[in-house]
C-alpha atoms as a PDB file:
ATOM      1  CA  MET A   1      58.784 -39.049   9.445  1.00  0.00           C
ATOM      2  CA  LEU A   2      59.055 -37.839   5.820  1.00  0.00           C
ATOM      3  CA  LEU A   3      60.734 -41.093   4.803  1.00  0.00           C
ATOM      4  CA  LEU A   4      57.923 -43.074   6.425  1.00  0.00           C
ATOM      5  CA  ALA A   5      55.284 -41.015   4.622  1.00  0.00           C
ATOM      6  CA  GLY A   6      57.182 -41.314   1.342  1.00  0.00           C
ATOM      7  CA  GLY A   7      57.403 -45.079   1.728  1.00  0.00           C
ATOM      8  CA  ALA A   8      53.674 -45.334   2.372  1.00  0.00           C
ATOM      9  CA  ILE A   9      52.901 -43.241  -0.696  1.00  0.00           C
ATOM     10  CA  CYS A  10      55.227 -45.193  -2.953  1.00  0.00           C
ATOM     11  CA  SER A  11      53.845 -48.577  -1.891  1.00  0.00           C
ATOM     12  CA  SER A  12      51.484 -50.053  -4.438  1.00  0.00           C
ATOM     13  CA  ALA A  13      47.840 -50.538  -3.479  1.00  0.00           C
ATOM     14  CA  HIS A  14      45.439 -51.974  -6.048  1.00  0.00           C
ATOM     15  CA  ALA A  15      42.162 -51.790  -4.148  1.00  0.00           C
ATOM     16  CA  ALA A  16      39.029 -50.120  -5.461  1.00  0.00           C
ATOM     17  CA  GLU A  17      38.271 -46.441  -4.880  1.00  0.00           C
ATOM     18  CA  PRO A  18      36.885 -45.969  -1.325  1.00  0.00           C
ATOM     19  CA  THR A  19      33.097 -45.638  -1.382  1.00  0.00           C
ATOM     20  CA  SER A  20      32.791 -44.232   2.128  1.00  0.00           C
ATOM     21  CA  PRO A  21      32.908 -40.528   3.036  1.00  0.00           C
ATOM     22  CA  SER A  22      36.262 -38.998   3.797  1.00  0.00           C
ATOM     23  CA  VAL A  23      37.591 -35.896   5.494  1.00  0.00           C
ATOM     24  CA  TYR A  24      40.477 -33.788   4.327  1.00  0.00           C
ATOM     25  CA  LEU A  25      42.687 -30.932   5.459  1.00  0.00           C
ATOM     26  CA  GLU A  26      44.287 -28.449   3.087  1.00  0.00           C
ATOM     27  CA  ALA A  27      46.777 -25.675   3.638  1.00  0.00           C
ATOM     28  CA  GLY A  28      47.758 -23.265   0.944  1.00  0.00           C
ATOM     29  CA  ARG A  29      48.819 -19.852  -0.221  1.00  0.00           C
ATOM     30  CA  ALA A  30      47.669 -17.562  -3.004  1.00  0.00           C
ATOM     31  CA  PHE A  31      50.391 -17.360  -5.620  1.00  0.00           C
ATOM     32  CA  LEU A  32      49.244 -15.023  -8.382  1.00  0.00           C
ATOM     33  CA  LYS A  33      48.884 -11.233  -8.617  1.00  0.00           C
ATOM     34  CA  ASN A  34      51.061 -10.259  -5.611  1.00  0.00           C
ATOM     35  CA  SER A  35      48.765 -11.762  -2.985  1.00  0.00           C
ATOM     36  CA  ASP A  36      49.738 -12.521   0.598  1.00  0.00           C
ATOM     37  CA  THR A  37      46.697 -14.641   1.463  1.00  0.00           C
ATOM     38  CA  ASP A  38      46.976 -17.978   3.263  1.00  0.00           C
ATOM     39  CA  THR A  39      44.185 -20.520   3.507  1.00  0.00           C
ATOM     40  CA  LEU A  40      43.391 -23.439   5.782  1.00  0.00           C
ATOM     41  CA  THR A  41      40.557 -25.788   4.824  1.00  0.00           C
ATOM     42  CA  ILE A  42      38.651 -28.702   6.311  1.00  0.00           C
ATOM     43  CA  GLY A  43      36.453 -30.650   3.950  1.00  0.00           C
ATOM     44  CA  LEU A  44      34.076 -33.560   3.660  1.00  0.00           C
ATOM     45  CA  ARG A  45      34.079 -35.703   0.519  1.00  0.00           C
ATOM     46  CA  LEU A  46      30.871 -37.595  -0.254  1.00  0.00           C
ATOM     47  CA  PRO A  47      31.264 -40.188  -3.039  1.00  0.00           C
ATOM     48  CA  MET A  48      28.664 -40.302  -5.817  1.00  0.00           C
ATOM     49  CA  GLN A  49      27.093 -43.670  -6.527  1.00  0.00           C
ATOM     50  CA  SER A  50      28.089 -43.667 -10.197  1.00  0.00           C
ATOM     51  CA  THR A  51      31.360 -44.549 -11.842  1.00  0.00           C
ATOM     52  CA  PHE A  52      32.214 -43.889 -15.466  1.00  0.00           C
ATOM     53  CA  TRP A  53      34.456 -45.374 -18.132  1.00  0.00           C
ATOM     54  CA  ASP A  54      34.862 -48.801 -16.500  1.00  0.00           C
ATOM     55  CA  GLY A  55      35.702 -47.359 -13.086  1.00  0.00           C
ATOM     56  CA  ARG A  56      38.481 -45.093 -14.294  1.00  0.00           C
ATOM     57  CA  ILE A  57      36.402 -42.014 -13.444  1.00  0.00           C
ATOM     58  CA  THR A  58      34.573 -41.562 -10.153  1.00  0.00           C
ATOM     59  CA  GLY A  59      32.680 -38.620  -8.764  1.00  0.00           C
ATOM     60  CA  SER A  60      32.236 -37.032  -5.378  1.00  0.00           C
ATOM     61  CA  TRP A  61      30.845 -33.934  -3.731  1.00  0.00           C
ATOM     62  CA  ASP A  62      33.377 -31.821  -1.832  1.00  0.00           C
ATOM     63  CA  LEU A  63      31.836 -29.697   0.910  1.00  0.00           C
ATOM     64  CA  TYR A  64      34.425 -27.492   2.575  1.00  0.00           C
ATOM     65  CA  LEU A  65      35.008 -24.668   5.033  1.00  0.00           C
ATOM     66  CA  SER A  66      38.081 -22.447   4.623  1.00  0.00           C
ATOM     67  CA  ASP A  67      39.689 -19.649   6.583  1.00  0.00           C
ATOM     68  CA  TRP A  68      41.512 -17.035   4.496  1.00  0.00           C
ATOM     69  CA  LYS A  69      44.098 -14.853   6.248  1.00  0.00           C
ATOM     70  CA  ALA A  70      44.821 -11.831   4.059  1.00  0.00           C
ATOM     71  CA  ASP A  71      47.053  -8.772   4.058  1.00  0.00           C
ATOM     72  CA  ALA A  72      44.188  -6.343   4.699  1.00  0.00           C
ATOM     73  CA  PRO A  73      44.165  -2.549   4.522  1.00  0.00           C
ATOM     74  CA  PRO A  74      44.425  -0.826   7.935  1.00  0.00           C
ATOM     75  CA  GLY A  75      41.187  -1.120   9.888  1.00  0.00           C
ATOM     76  CA  GLN A  76      39.740  -3.758   7.537  1.00  0.00           C
ATOM     77  CA  ARG A  77      38.945  -7.426   8.123  1.00  0.00           C
ATOM     78  CA  SER A  78      41.938  -9.745   7.585  1.00  0.00           C
ATOM     79  CA  ASN A  79      40.186 -13.119   8.069  1.00  0.00           C
ATOM     80  CA  PHE A  80      37.491 -14.417   5.753  1.00  0.00           C
ATOM     81  CA  THR A  81      35.438 -17.596   5.996  1.00  0.00           C
ATOM     82  CA  GLN A  82      34.571 -19.465   2.821  1.00  0.00           C
ATOM     83  CA  ILE A  83      32.097 -22.318   2.438  1.00  0.00           C
ATOM     84  CA  GLY A  84      31.954 -24.225  -0.834  1.00  0.00           C
ATOM     85  CA  LEU A  85      30.384 -27.134  -2.666  1.00  0.00           C
ATOM     86  CA  VAL A  86      32.167 -28.623  -5.686  1.00  0.00           C
ATOM     87  CA  PRO A  87      31.314 -31.733  -7.726  1.00  0.00           C
ATOM     88  CA  MET A  88      34.683 -33.406  -8.346  1.00  0.00           C
ATOM     89  CA  PHE A  89      35.563 -36.002 -10.972  1.00  0.00           C
ATOM     90  CA  ARG A  90      38.604 -38.239 -10.465  1.00  0.00           C
ATOM     91  CA  TYR A  91      40.470 -40.150 -13.154  1.00  0.00           C
ATOM     92  CA  ARG A  92      42.717 -43.046 -12.123  1.00  0.00           C
ATOM     93  CA  LEU A  93      45.517 -44.182 -14.382  1.00  0.00           C
ATOM     94  CA  ASP A  94      46.165 -47.834 -15.366  1.00  0.00           C
ATOM     95  CA  GLY A  95      42.534 -48.678 -16.100  1.00  0.00           C
ATOM     96  CA  GLY A  96      41.394 -47.393 -12.711  1.00  0.00           C
ATOM     97  CA  GLN A  97      43.868 -49.543 -10.767  1.00  0.00           C
ATOM     98  CA  SER A  98      46.671 -47.045 -10.207  1.00  0.00           C
ATOM     99  CA  PRO A  99      47.097 -45.316  -6.852  1.00  0.00           C
ATOM    100  CA  TRP A 100      47.760 -42.109  -8.860  1.00  0.00           C
ATOM    101  CA  PHE A 101      44.876 -39.836  -9.836  1.00  0.00           C
ATOM    102  CA  VAL A 102      44.036 -36.475 -11.357  1.00  0.00           C
ATOM    103  CA  GLU A 103      40.788 -34.699 -10.604  1.00  0.00           C
ATOM    104  CA  GLY A 104      38.935 -31.492 -11.074  1.00  0.00           C
ATOM    105  CA  GLY A 105      35.634 -29.730 -10.620  1.00  0.00           C
ATOM    106  CA  ILE A 106      33.809 -26.411 -10.713  1.00  0.00           C
ATOM    107  CA  GLY A 107      31.397 -25.423  -7.972  1.00  0.00           C
ATOM    108  CA  VAL A 108      30.188 -22.487  -5.920  1.00  0.00           C
ATOM    109  CA  SER A 109      31.438 -20.812  -2.774  1.00  0.00           C
ATOM    110  CA  TYR A 110      30.404 -18.044  -0.418  1.00  0.00           C
ATOM    111  CA  LEU A 111      32.642 -15.683   1.588  1.00  0.00           C
ATOM    112  CA  ASN A 112      31.282 -14.239   4.839  1.00  0.00           C
ATOM    113  CA  GLU A 113      32.386 -10.719   3.762  1.00  0.00           C
ATOM    114  CA  THR A 114      33.463  -9.136   0.503  1.00  0.00           C
ATOM    115  CA  TYR A 115      37.149  -9.981   0.129  1.00  0.00           C
ATOM    116  CA  ARG A 116      39.437  -6.920   0.231  1.00  0.00           C
ATOM    117  CA  THR A 117      43.208  -6.820   0.530  1.00  0.00           C
ATOM    118  CA  VAL A 118      45.803  -4.107  -0.020  1.00  0.00           C
ATOM    119  CA  ASP A 119      46.134  -5.300  -3.650  1.00  0.00           C
ATOM    120  CA  LYS A 120      42.667  -6.455  -4.715  1.00  0.00           C
ATOM    121  CA  GLU A 121      38.957  -6.413  -4.029  1.00  0.00           C
ATOM    122  CA  PHE A 122      36.183  -8.836  -4.976  1.00  0.00           C
ATOM    123  CA  SER A 123      32.811  -7.390  -5.976  1.00  0.00           C
ATOM    124  CA  THR A 124      30.777 -10.409  -4.808  1.00  0.00           C
ATOM    125  CA  GLN A 125      30.579 -12.758  -1.853  1.00  0.00           C
ATOM    126  CA  TRP A 126      29.196 -15.575  -4.055  1.00  0.00           C
ATOM    127  CA  ASN A 127      31.847 -16.948  -6.396  1.00  0.00           C
ATOM    128  CA  PHE A 128      32.732 -19.908  -8.529  1.00  0.00           C
ATOM    129  CA  SER A 129      35.405 -22.229  -7.187  1.00  0.00           C
ATOM    130  CA  ASP A 130      37.500 -24.182  -9.718  1.00  0.00           C
ATOM    131  CA  HIS A 131      39.664 -27.050  -8.448  1.00  0.00           C
ATOM    132  CA  ILE A 132      42.241 -29.207 -10.202  1.00  0.00           C
ATOM    133  CA  GLY A 133      44.675 -31.581  -8.541  1.00  0.00           C
ATOM    134  CA  VAL A 134      46.947 -34.568  -8.727  1.00  0.00           C
ATOM    135  CA  GLY A 135      47.484 -37.065  -5.944  1.00  0.00           C
ATOM    136  CA  ARG A 136      48.201 -40.548  -4.776  1.00  0.00           C
ATOM    137  CA  SER A 137      46.193 -42.874  -2.560  1.00  0.00           C
ATOM    138  CA  PHE A 138      48.004 -45.130  -0.115  1.00  0.00           C
ATOM    139  CA  GLY A 139      47.539 -47.320   2.921  1.00  0.00           C
ATOM    140  CA  ALA A 140      45.009 -50.049   3.609  1.00  0.00           C
ATOM    141  CA  ASP A 141      42.242 -49.988   0.978  1.00  0.00           C
ATOM    142  CA  ARG A 142      43.515 -46.626  -0.330  1.00  0.00           C
ATOM    143  CA  ARG A 143      41.963 -44.876   2.651  1.00  0.00           C
ATOM    144  CA  GLN A 144      44.632 -42.163   2.785  1.00  0.00           C
ATOM    145  CA  GLU A 145      45.762 -39.746   0.128  1.00  0.00           C
ATOM    146  CA  LEU A 146      48.060 -36.824  -0.494  1.00  0.00           C
ATOM    147  CA  GLY A 147      47.430 -34.345  -3.254  1.00  0.00           C
ATOM    148  CA  LEU A 148      48.538 -31.034  -4.680  1.00  0.00           C
ATOM    149  CA  TYR A 149      45.684 -28.780  -5.829  1.00  0.00           C
ATOM    150  CA  VAL A 150      45.187 -25.437  -7.508  1.00  0.00           C
ATOM    151  CA  LYS A 151      41.975 -23.645  -6.505  1.00  0.00           C
ATOM    152  CA  HIS A 152      40.766 -20.514  -8.307  1.00  0.00           C
ATOM    153  CA  VAL A 153      37.963 -18.402  -6.832  1.00  0.00           C
ATOM    154  CA  SER A 154      36.237 -15.655  -8.836  1.00  0.00           C
ATOM    155  CA  ASN A 155      32.805 -14.530  -9.988  1.00  0.00           C
ATOM    156  CA  ALA A 156      33.524 -15.451 -13.636  1.00  0.00           C
ATOM    157  CA  GLY A 157      33.021 -11.884 -14.783  1.00  0.00           C
ATOM    158  CA  THR A 158      29.440 -11.503 -13.562  1.00  0.00           C
ATOM    159  CA  ARG A 159      30.425  -8.219 -11.831  1.00  0.00           C
ATOM    160  CA  SER A 160      33.467  -5.952 -11.723  1.00  0.00           C
ATOM    161  CA  PRO A 161      35.996  -5.926 -10.271  1.00  0.00           C
ATOM    162  CA  ASN A 162      36.779  -9.605 -10.671  1.00  0.00           C
ATOM    163  CA  PRO A 163      40.478 -10.096  -9.853  1.00  0.00           C
ATOM    164  CA  GLY A 164      40.011 -13.645  -8.534  1.00  0.00           C
ATOM    165  CA  GLU A 165      42.328 -15.435  -6.149  1.00  0.00           C
ATOM    166  CA  THR A 166      44.319 -18.573  -6.949  1.00  0.00           C
ATOM    167  CA  PHE A 167      45.687 -20.876  -4.253  1.00  0.00           C
ATOM    168  CA  LEU A 168      48.212 -23.697  -4.341  1.00  0.00           C
ATOM    169  CA  GLN A 169      47.156 -26.211  -1.682  1.00  0.00           C
ATOM    170  CA  LEU A 170      48.526 -29.399  -0.167  1.00  0.00           C
ATOM    171  CA  ARG A 171      45.789 -31.876   0.835  1.00  0.00           C
ATOM    172  CA  TYR A 172      45.749 -34.884   3.149  1.00  0.00           C
ATOM    173  CA  GLY A 173      42.590 -37.003   3.120  1.00  0.00           C
ATOM    174  CA  TYR A 174      41.350 -39.997   5.077  1.00  0.00           C
ATOM    175  CA  ALA A 175      38.306 -42.160   4.206  1.00  0.00           C
ATOM    176  CA  PHE A 176      36.438 -43.638   7.157  1.00  0.00           C
END
């Protein structure tokens, strides 16, 4: 199975960036500041109508819903639901023709409760959500992609405490 997926990713596809919406799944784990929080995300990517720099840069809106499972203090909530909206900008190598891309964006997110674990506590439910990733499109018309993303969530110092949480996530996306 891994060899089949690797072969699909390594095959060269020189089609244009998909202009239809796509869905994605992400799974990840917080990796900074002694955190034991896992996350699972489902998202919807809505392409923007504009492209920049001769098609090398494209934009999209990522709307997502995440479940955070944290190491909570006794008697406290251990699952948190996050909803977010992030404008993302994607740069494709090789003049926009490469299946490889890097992308990033900064948006907003909301947690259903104030996030508290045995090691940290957020002061706000509304936070900024910074995303940066690298990936590769593959398959017919580049409709599938795999990517590795870092997502940082914090209130940007608007209130204290502001420890933030940073996740490393693996993403699989499919454009329909």
